[in-house]
Amino acid sequence: MKSSVSLHQVLRRIAPWLDERYPGWVVFGSAALWLNGFREVKPHDIDILTAPPEGMEEEWDEGQLFRCRRRTKLCVEGIEVDISEGLEIRRPEGWLPVSVEEVVEREGLRYASFAECLRLMRLFDREKDRERLRRLVEKDQESK
């Protein structure tokens, strides 16, 4: 992420808009790890998860591993913000909804807790997630 402003500054600027437009929004992925204090993680964007509005028609943006009802991408002061409404992940048993169960709320921001970040990396189970998970668990154990 290359910008003259920080991820934290961008989130603080857009949080009121997110609150109004996407109630219950939550940051996840590498940006959530960064917000949890893992500054060695360098997010390329800010991933935001939110539930789809009630009664929304299904307009699946379907990929190989993930799909969501609606996906919105914004660029705020040089930082990409990727909003996924109704994100699901493909598993052998079918499509499973992705949710953040444990949310940290601090300074008007909402983001996945460290434990929740680890859970989501295990759920996503991509090579990059397995590698990041291994490094983070090692670092977390070293700090104890």
N, C-alpha and C. Protein backbone atom coordinates (compact mmCIF):
# COMPACT_ATOMS: atom_id res chain seq x y z
N MET A 1 0.86 -1.16 0.00
CA MET A 1 0.00 0.00 0.00
C MET A 1 0.90 1.22 0.00
N LYS A 2 0.83 2.03 -1.05
CA LYS A 2 1.68 3.20 -1.15
C LYS A 2 0.79 4.43 -1.15
N SER A 3 0.86 5.20 -0.09
CA SER A 3 0.06 6.40 0.04
C SER A 3 0.72 7.32 1.05
N SER A 4 0.42 8.61 0.95
CA SER A 4 0.98 9.56 1.91
C SER A 4 0.20 9.55 3.22
N VAL A 5 -0.96 8.91 3.23
CA VAL A 5 -1.75 8.78 4.46
C VAL A 5 -1.71 7.33 4.90
N SER A 6 -1.97 7.09 6.17
CA SER A 6 -1.93 5.73 6.68
C SER A 6 -3.28 5.04 6.55
N LEU A 7 -3.23 3.73 6.64
CA LEU A 7 -4.43 2.92 6.64
C LEU A 7 -5.37 3.40 7.75
N HIS A 8 -4.82 3.67 8.90
CA HIS A 8 -5.60 4.13 10.05
C HIS A 8 -6.31 5.45 9.73
N GLN A 9 -5.61 6.39 9.10
CA GLN A 9 -6.20 7.68 8.76
C GLN A 9 -7.34 7.51 7.77
N VAL A 10 -7.14 6.68 6.76
CA VAL A 10 -8.19 6.45 5.77
C VAL A 10 -9.42 5.83 6.44
N LEU A 11 -9.20 4.84 7.27
CA LEU A 11 -10.33 4.20 7.95
C LEU A 11 -11.09 5.19 8.83
N ARG A 12 -10.37 6.01 9.54
CA ARG A 12 -11.05 7.01 10.41
C ARG A 12 -11.86 7.99 9.56
N ARG A 13 -11.37 8.33 8.38
CA ARG A 13 -12.10 9.26 7.51
C ARG A 13 -13.36 8.63 6.93
N ILE A 14 -13.30 7.36 6.59
CA ILE A 14 -14.47 6.74 5.94
C ILE A 14 -15.40 6.02 6.91
N ALA A 15 -14.99 5.86 8.17
CA ALA A 15 -15.82 5.13 9.14
C ALA A 15 -17.23 5.68 9.26
N PRO A 16 -17.45 7.00 9.36
CA PRO A 16 -18.84 7.49 9.44
C PRO A 16 -19.67 7.12 8.21
N TRP A 17 -19.06 7.18 7.04
CA TRP A 17 -19.75 6.79 5.81
C TRP A 17 -20.07 5.29 5.83
N LEU A 18 -19.11 4.47 6.28
CA LEU A 18 -19.34 3.03 6.39
C LEU A 18 -20.46 2.74 7.38
N ASP A 19 -20.46 3.44 8.53
CA ASP A 19 -21.51 3.24 9.53
C ASP A 19 -22.89 3.50 8.94
N GLU A 20 -22.99 4.53 8.13
CA GLU A 20 -24.27 4.90 7.54
C GLU A 20 -24.70 3.94 6.44
N ARG A 21 -23.77 3.59 5.60
CA ARG A 21 -24.10 2.79 4.42
C ARG A 21 -24.05 1.27 4.68
N TYR A 22 -23.14 0.83 5.54
CA TYR A 22 -22.92 -0.59 5.78
C TYR A 22 -22.92 -0.90 7.28
N PRO A 23 -24.07 -0.83 7.95
CA PRO A 23 -24.10 -1.11 9.39
C PRO A 23 -23.48 -2.48 9.69
N GLY A 24 -22.66 -2.54 10.72
CA GLY A 24 -22.02 -3.80 11.10
C GLY A 24 -20.76 -4.11 10.32
N TRP A 25 -20.26 -3.16 9.53
CA TRP A 25 -19.04 -3.38 8.74
C TRP A 25 -17.89 -3.76 9.66
N VAL A 26 -16.94 -4.51 9.11
CA VAL A 26 -15.76 -4.90 9.88
C VAL A 26 -14.59 -5.11 8.93
N VAL A 27 -13.42 -4.62 9.34
CA VAL A 27 -12.20 -4.82 8.57
C VAL A 27 -11.68 -6.22 8.86
N PHE A 28 -11.24 -6.92 7.82
CA PHE A 28 -10.63 -8.24 8.03
C PHE A 28 -9.40 -8.34 7.14
N GLY A 29 -8.76 -9.48 7.12
CA GLY A 29 -7.58 -9.67 6.28
C GLY A 29 -6.35 -8.97 6.84
N SER A 30 -5.43 -8.63 5.94
CA SER A 30 -4.15 -8.07 6.38
C SER A 30 -4.30 -6.72 7.07
N ALA A 31 -5.30 -5.93 6.67
CA ALA A 31 -5.51 -4.64 7.34
C ALA A 31 -5.91 -4.86 8.80
N ALA A 32 -6.70 -5.90 9.08
CA ALA A 32 -7.08 -6.20 10.47
C ALA A 32 -5.86 -6.65 11.27
N LEU A 33 -4.99 -7.43 10.65
CA LEU A 33 -3.75 -7.83 11.34
C LEU A 33 -2.93 -6.60 11.69
N TRP A 34 -2.81 -5.67 10.75
CA TRP A 34 -2.07 -4.44 10.98
C TRP A 34 -2.69 -3.64 12.12
N LEU A 35 -4.03 -3.54 12.13
CA LEU A 35 -4.73 -2.83 13.21
C LEU A 35 -4.56 -3.53 14.56
N ASN A 36 -4.34 -4.83 14.54
CA ASN A 36 -4.09 -5.60 15.78
C ASN A 36 -2.64 -5.44 16.26
N GLY A 37 -1.86 -4.63 15.57
CA GLY A 37 -0.51 -4.36 16.03
C GLY A 37 0.61 -5.10 15.31
N PHE A 38 0.26 -5.89 14.31
CA PHE A 38 1.29 -6.63 13.57
C PHE A 38 1.77 -5.76 12.41
N ARG A 39 2.65 -4.82 12.73
CA ARG A 39 3.10 -3.82 11.76
C ARG A 39 4.00 -4.38 10.68
N GLU A 40 4.52 -5.60 10.88
CA GLU A 40 5.32 -6.21 9.81
C GLU A 40 4.44 -6.67 8.65
N VAL A 41 3.14 -6.78 8.88
CA VAL A 41 2.19 -7.10 7.82
C VAL A 41 1.97 -5.81 7.03
N LYS A 42 2.14 -5.87 5.74
CA LYS A 42 2.00 -4.70 4.88
C LYS A 42 0.77 -4.88 3.98
N PRO A 43 -0.39 -4.37 4.42
CA PRO A 43 -1.61 -4.54 3.62
C PRO A 43 -1.50 -3.84 2.27
N HIS A 44 -2.05 -4.46 1.25
CA HIS A 44 -2.11 -3.86 -0.08
C HIS A 44 -3.42 -3.09 -0.26
N ASP A 45 -4.39 -3.40 0.59
CA ASP A 45 -5.68 -2.73 0.53
C ASP A 45 -6.38 -2.90 1.88
N ILE A 46 -7.58 -2.37 1.97
CA ILE A 46 -8.40 -2.53 3.17
C ILE A 46 -9.61 -3.37 2.78
N ASP A 47 -9.70 -4.57 3.33
CA ASP A 47 -10.84 -5.46 3.06
C ASP A 47 -11.90 -5.24 4.12
N ILE A 48 -13.13 -5.00 3.67
CA ILE A 48 -14.25 -4.77 4.58
C ILE A 48 -15.33 -5.80 4.28
N LEU A 49 -15.82 -6.41 5.34
CA LEU A 49 -16.88 -7.41 5.23
C LEU A 49 -18.15 -6.84 5.84
N THR A 50 -19.25 -7.05 5.16
CA THR A 50 -20.54 -6.62 5.68
C THR A 50 -21.62 -7.57 5.16
N ALA A 51 -22.70 -7.64 5.89
CA ALA A 51 -23.83 -8.47 5.46
C ALA A 51 -24.57 -7.75 4.33
N PRO A 52 -25.19 -8.52 3.43
CA PRO A 52 -25.99 -7.86 2.39
C PRO A 52 -27.26 -7.29 3.01
N PRO A 53 -27.79 -6.22 2.43
CA PRO A 53 -29.05 -5.68 2.97
C PRO A 53 -30.19 -6.68 2.83
N GLU A 54 -31.15 -6.58 3.72
CA GLU A 54 -32.33 -7.46 3.66
C GLU A 54 -33.04 -7.26 2.32
N GLY A 55 -33.46 -8.37 1.73
CA GLY A 55 -34.23 -8.33 0.51
C GLY A 55 -33.43 -8.02 -0.74
N MET A 56 -32.12 -7.97 -0.62
CA MET A 56 -31.29 -7.66 -1.78
C MET A 56 -31.36 -8.82 -2.77
N GLU A 57 -31.55 -8.47 -4.03
CA GLU A 57 -31.55 -9.51 -5.06
C GLU A 57 -30.16 -10.12 -5.14
N GLU A 58 -30.13 -11.37 -5.48
CA GLU A 58 -28.83 -12.04 -5.61
C GLU A 58 -28.16 -11.61 -6.90
N GLU A 59 -27.02 -10.97 -6.76
CA GLU A 59 -26.20 -10.55 -7.89
C GLU A 59 -24.80 -11.06 -7.62
N TRP A 60 -24.62 -12.36 -7.66
CA TRP A 60 -23.36 -12.96 -7.25
C TRP A 60 -22.21 -12.53 -8.15
N ASP A 61 -21.17 -12.07 -7.50
CA ASP A 61 -19.89 -11.82 -8.16
C ASP A 61 -19.08 -13.05 -7.79
N GLU A 62 -19.08 -14.03 -8.67
CA GLU A 62 -18.56 -15.34 -8.31
C GLU A 62 -17.16 -15.58 -8.87
N GLY A 63 -16.26 -15.95 -7.98
CA GLY A 63 -14.91 -16.33 -8.39
C GLY A 63 -14.74 -17.81 -8.15
N GLN A 64 -13.51 -18.26 -8.14
CA GLN A 64 -13.26 -19.67 -7.93
C GLN A 64 -13.42 -20.07 -6.48
N LEU A 65 -12.87 -19.28 -5.57
CA LEU A 65 -12.90 -19.64 -4.15
C LEU A 65 -13.92 -18.82 -3.37
N PHE A 66 -14.15 -17.58 -3.78
CA PHE A 66 -15.05 -16.68 -3.07
C PHE A 66 -16.14 -16.18 -3.99
N ARG A 67 -17.25 -15.79 -3.39
CA ARG A 67 -18.28 -15.07 -4.11
C ARG A 67 -18.95 -14.13 -3.10
N CYS A 68 -19.54 -13.08 -3.60
CA CYS A 68 -20.28 -12.18 -2.71
C CYS A 68 -21.46 -11.60 -3.46
N ARG A 69 -22.45 -11.16 -2.71
CA ARG A 69 -23.65 -10.61 -3.32
C ARG A 69 -23.33 -9.34 -4.09
N ARG A 70 -22.51 -8.50 -3.46
CA ARG A 70 -22.09 -7.28 -4.14
C ARG A 70 -20.71 -6.91 -3.63
N ARG A 71 -19.90 -6.45 -4.56
CA ARG A 71 -18.54 -6.05 -4.21
C ARG A 71 -18.31 -4.64 -4.73
N THR A 72 -17.82 -3.79 -3.84
CA THR A 72 -17.57 -2.40 -4.20
C THR A 72 -16.11 -2.10 -3.94
N LYS A 73 -15.44 -1.51 -4.92
CA LYS A 73 -14.04 -1.11 -4.74
C LYS A 73 -13.96 0.40 -4.84
N LEU A 74 -13.27 0.98 -3.88
CA LEU A 74 -13.05 2.42 -3.83
C LEU A 74 -11.57 2.68 -3.74
N CYS A 75 -11.15 3.86 -4.13
CA CYS A 75 -9.79 4.29 -3.89
C CYS A 75 -9.89 5.58 -3.08
N VAL A 76 -9.38 5.52 -1.86
CA VAL A 76 -9.45 6.66 -0.95
C VAL A 76 -8.03 7.11 -0.67
N GLU A 77 -7.69 8.26 -1.18
CA GLU A 77 -6.36 8.84 -0.99
C GLU A 77 -5.23 7.85 -1.31
N GLY A 78 -5.42 7.13 -2.41
CA GLY A 78 -4.40 6.22 -2.89
C GLY A 78 -4.47 4.82 -2.28
N ILE A 79 -5.41 4.59 -1.40
CA ILE A 79 -5.54 3.27 -0.76
C ILE A 79 -6.84 2.62 -1.24
N GLU A 80 -6.72 1.39 -1.75
CA GLU A 80 -7.89 0.66 -2.22
C GLU A 80 -8.68 0.12 -1.04
N VAL A 81 -10.00 0.32 -1.10
CA VAL A 81 -10.92 -0.22 -0.10
C VAL A 81 -11.84 -1.18 -0.85
N ASP A 82 -11.88 -2.43 -0.40
CA ASP A 82 -12.65 -3.48 -1.06
C ASP A 82 -13.75 -3.94 -0.11
N ILE A 83 -15.00 -3.61 -0.45
CA ILE A 83 -16.15 -3.92 0.41
C ILE A 83 -16.89 -5.11 -0.17
N SER A 84 -16.99 -6.19 0.61
CA SER A 84 -17.69 -7.41 0.19
C SER A 84 -18.96 -7.56 1.01
N GLU A 85 -20.09 -7.53 0.33
CA GLU A 85 -21.39 -7.73 0.99
C GLU A 85 -21.81 -9.18 0.78
N GLY A 86 -21.99 -9.90 1.89
CA GLY A 86 -22.44 -11.29 1.80
C GLY A 86 -21.38 -12.22 1.23
N LEU A 87 -20.16 -12.09 1.70
CA LEU A 87 -19.06 -12.93 1.21
C LEU A 87 -19.26 -14.39 1.61
N GLU A 88 -18.98 -15.28 0.67
CA GLU A 88 -19.03 -16.73 0.92
C GLU A 88 -17.77 -17.36 0.37
N ILE A 89 -17.43 -18.52 0.93
CA ILE A 89 -16.27 -19.27 0.48
C ILE A 89 -16.72 -20.66 0.04
N ARG A 90 -16.11 -21.14 -1.03
CA ARG A 90 -16.46 -22.48 -1.54
C ARG A 90 -15.73 -23.53 -0.72
N ARG A 91 -16.45 -24.49 -0.26
CA ARG A 91 -15.93 -25.64 0.47
C ARG A 91 -16.49 -26.90 -0.17
N PRO A 92 -15.91 -28.07 0.09
CA PRO A 92 -16.44 -29.30 -0.52
C PRO A 92 -17.94 -29.50 -0.24
N GLU A 93 -18.40 -29.04 0.91
CA GLU A 93 -19.82 -29.21 1.26
C GLU A 93 -20.71 -28.13 0.68
N GLY A 94 -20.12 -27.16 -0.04
CA GLY A 94 -20.91 -26.09 -0.66
C GLY A 94 -20.40 -24.71 -0.23
N TRP A 95 -21.19 -23.70 -0.53
CA TRP A 95 -20.83 -22.33 -0.20
C TRP A 95 -21.15 -22.03 1.25
N LEU A 96 -20.16 -21.50 1.99
CA LEU A 96 -20.34 -21.15 3.39
C LEU A 96 -20.19 -19.65 3.58
N PRO A 97 -21.08 -19.03 4.35
CA PRO A 97 -20.95 -17.60 4.61
C PRO A 97 -19.69 -17.31 5.42
N VAL A 98 -19.03 -16.21 5.11
CA VAL A 98 -17.86 -15.76 5.86
C VAL A 98 -18.34 -14.68 6.82
N SER A 99 -18.00 -14.85 8.09
CA SER A 99 -18.38 -13.84 9.07
C SER A 99 -17.23 -13.64 10.04
N VAL A 100 -17.26 -12.50 10.70
CA VAL A 100 -16.28 -12.19 11.73
C VAL A 100 -17.01 -12.28 13.06
N GLU A 101 -16.61 -13.23 13.88
CA GLU A 101 -17.30 -13.51 15.14
C GLU A 101 -16.82 -12.62 16.29
N GLU A 102 -15.55 -12.28 16.29
CA GLU A 102 -14.97 -11.51 17.39
C GLU A 102 -14.41 -10.20 16.83
N VAL A 103 -15.09 -9.09 17.16
CA VAL A 103 -14.76 -7.78 16.61
C VAL A 103 -14.15 -6.90 17.69
N VAL A 104 -13.07 -6.21 17.33
CA VAL A 104 -12.48 -5.19 18.20
C VAL A 104 -13.05 -3.86 17.74
N GLU A 105 -13.55 -3.08 18.69
CA GLU A 105 -14.05 -1.74 18.38
C GLU A 105 -13.20 -0.74 19.15
N ARG A 106 -12.47 0.07 18.37
CA ARG A 106 -11.55 1.03 18.98
C ARG A 106 -11.51 2.29 18.12
N GLU A 107 -11.68 3.42 18.76
CA GLU A 107 -11.59 4.73 18.09
C GLU A 107 -12.50 4.81 16.87
N GLY A 108 -13.70 4.24 16.96
CA GLY A 108 -14.65 4.30 15.86
C GLY A 108 -14.39 3.30 14.74
N LEU A 109 -13.40 2.44 14.93
CA LEU A 109 -13.07 1.43 13.92
C LEU A 109 -13.52 0.06 14.40
N ARG A 110 -13.86 -0.79 13.46
CA ARG A 110 -14.28 -2.16 13.76
C ARG A 110 -13.41 -3.09 12.94
N TYR A 111 -12.74 -4.02 13.63
CA TYR A 111 -11.88 -4.95 12.90
C TYR A 111 -11.83 -6.30 13.61
N ALA A 112 -11.50 -7.32 12.83
CA ALA A 112 -11.41 -8.68 13.35
C ALA A 112 -10.30 -8.76 14.38
N SER A 113 -10.57 -9.46 15.49
CA SER A 113 -9.55 -9.67 16.52
C SER A 113 -8.43 -10.54 15.94
N PHE A 114 -7.31 -10.58 16.64
CA PHE A 114 -6.20 -11.40 16.18
C PHE A 114 -6.64 -12.87 16.06
N ALA A 115 -7.33 -13.38 17.07
CA ALA A 115 -7.80 -14.78 17.03
C ALA A 115 -8.72 -15.01 15.83
N GLU A 116 -9.54 -14.02 15.53
CA GLU A 116 -10.45 -14.13 14.39
C GLU A 116 -9.68 -14.09 13.07
N CYS A 117 -8.65 -13.28 12.99
CA CYS A 117 -7.79 -13.25 11.79
C CYS A 117 -7.19 -14.63 11.54
N LEU A 118 -6.71 -15.26 12.62
CA LEU A 118 -6.13 -16.61 12.49
C LEU A 118 -7.19 -17.60 12.02
N ARG A 119 -8.39 -17.52 12.59
CA ARG A 119 -9.48 -18.43 12.20
C ARG A 119 -9.82 -18.27 10.72
N LEU A 120 -9.89 -17.03 10.26
CA LEU A 120 -10.23 -16.78 8.86
C LEU A 120 -9.12 -17.29 7.93
N MET A 121 -7.86 -17.12 8.32
CA MET A 121 -6.77 -17.65 7.49
C MET A 121 -6.87 -19.16 7.38
N ARG A 122 -7.24 -19.82 8.48
CA ARG A 122 -7.42 -21.28 8.43
C ARG A 122 -8.60 -21.65 7.52
N LEU A 123 -9.67 -20.87 7.60
CA LEU A 123 -10.84 -21.12 6.77
C LEU A 123 -10.52 -20.91 5.29
N PHE A 124 -9.82 -19.83 4.95
CA PHE A 124 -9.49 -19.53 3.55
C PHE A 124 -8.50 -20.54 2.99
N ASP A 125 -7.53 -20.93 3.81
CA ASP A 125 -6.61 -22.02 3.49
C ASP A 125 -5.91 -21.88 2.13
N ARG A 126 -5.60 -20.64 1.74
CA ARG A 126 -4.79 -20.44 0.53
C ARG A 126 -3.33 -20.52 0.94
N GLU A 127 -2.45 -20.72 -0.02
CA GLU A 127 -1.02 -20.81 0.28
C GLU A 127 -0.54 -19.58 1.04
N LYS A 128 -0.93 -18.39 0.59
CA LYS A 128 -0.49 -17.17 1.28
C LYS A 128 -1.04 -17.10 2.70
N ASP A 129 -2.22 -17.64 2.93
CA ASP A 129 -2.79 -17.67 4.29
C ASP A 129 -2.04 -18.65 5.17
N ARG A 130 -1.71 -19.82 4.63
CA ARG A 130 -0.97 -20.81 5.42
C ARG A 130 0.41 -20.28 5.82
N GLU A 131 1.08 -19.61 4.89
CA GLU A 131 2.41 -19.06 5.18
C GLU A 131 2.32 -17.93 6.21
N ARG A 132 1.39 -17.01 6.02
CA ARG A 132 1.22 -15.92 6.98
C ARG A 132 0.83 -16.47 8.35
N LEU A 133 -0.05 -17.44 8.39
CA LEU A 133 -0.49 -18.06 9.64
C LEU A 133 0.70 -18.66 10.39
N ARG A 134 1.54 -19.39 9.66
CA ARG A 134 2.71 -19.99 10.28
C ARG A 134 3.61 -18.91 10.90
N ARG A 135 3.89 -17.84 10.15
CA ARG A 135 4.76 -16.77 10.66
C ARG A 135 4.13 -16.05 11.86
N LEU A 136 2.84 -15.78 11.79
CA LEU A 136 2.18 -15.07 12.89
C LEU A 136 2.11 -15.90 14.16
N VAL A 137 1.82 -17.19 14.02
CA VAL A 137 1.75 -18.05 15.20
C VAL A 137 3.14 -18.14 15.85
N GLU A 138 4.18 -18.27 15.02
CA GLU A 138 5.54 -18.30 15.56
C GLU A 138 5.86 -17.00 16.29
N LYS A 139 5.53 -15.86 15.69
CA LYS A 139 5.82 -14.57 16.30
C LYS A 139 5.03 -14.40 17.59
N ASP A 140 3.76 -14.81 17.58
CA ASP A 140 2.92 -14.70 18.77
C ASP A 140 3.49 -15.55 19.90
N GLN A 141 3.97 -16.75 19.59
CA GLN A 141 4.54 -17.63 20.62
C GLN A 141 5.85 -17.06 21.16
N GLU A 142 6.64 -16.42 20.30
CA GLU A 142 7.90 -15.82 20.73
C GLU A 142 7.66 -14.66 21.70
N SER A 143 6.56 -13.95 21.51
CA SER A 143 6.29 -12.78 22.35
C SER A 143 5.73 -13.14 23.72
N LYS A 144 5.41 -14.41 23.92
CA LYS A 144 4.83 -14.82 25.22
C LYS A 144 5.88 -15.25 26.18
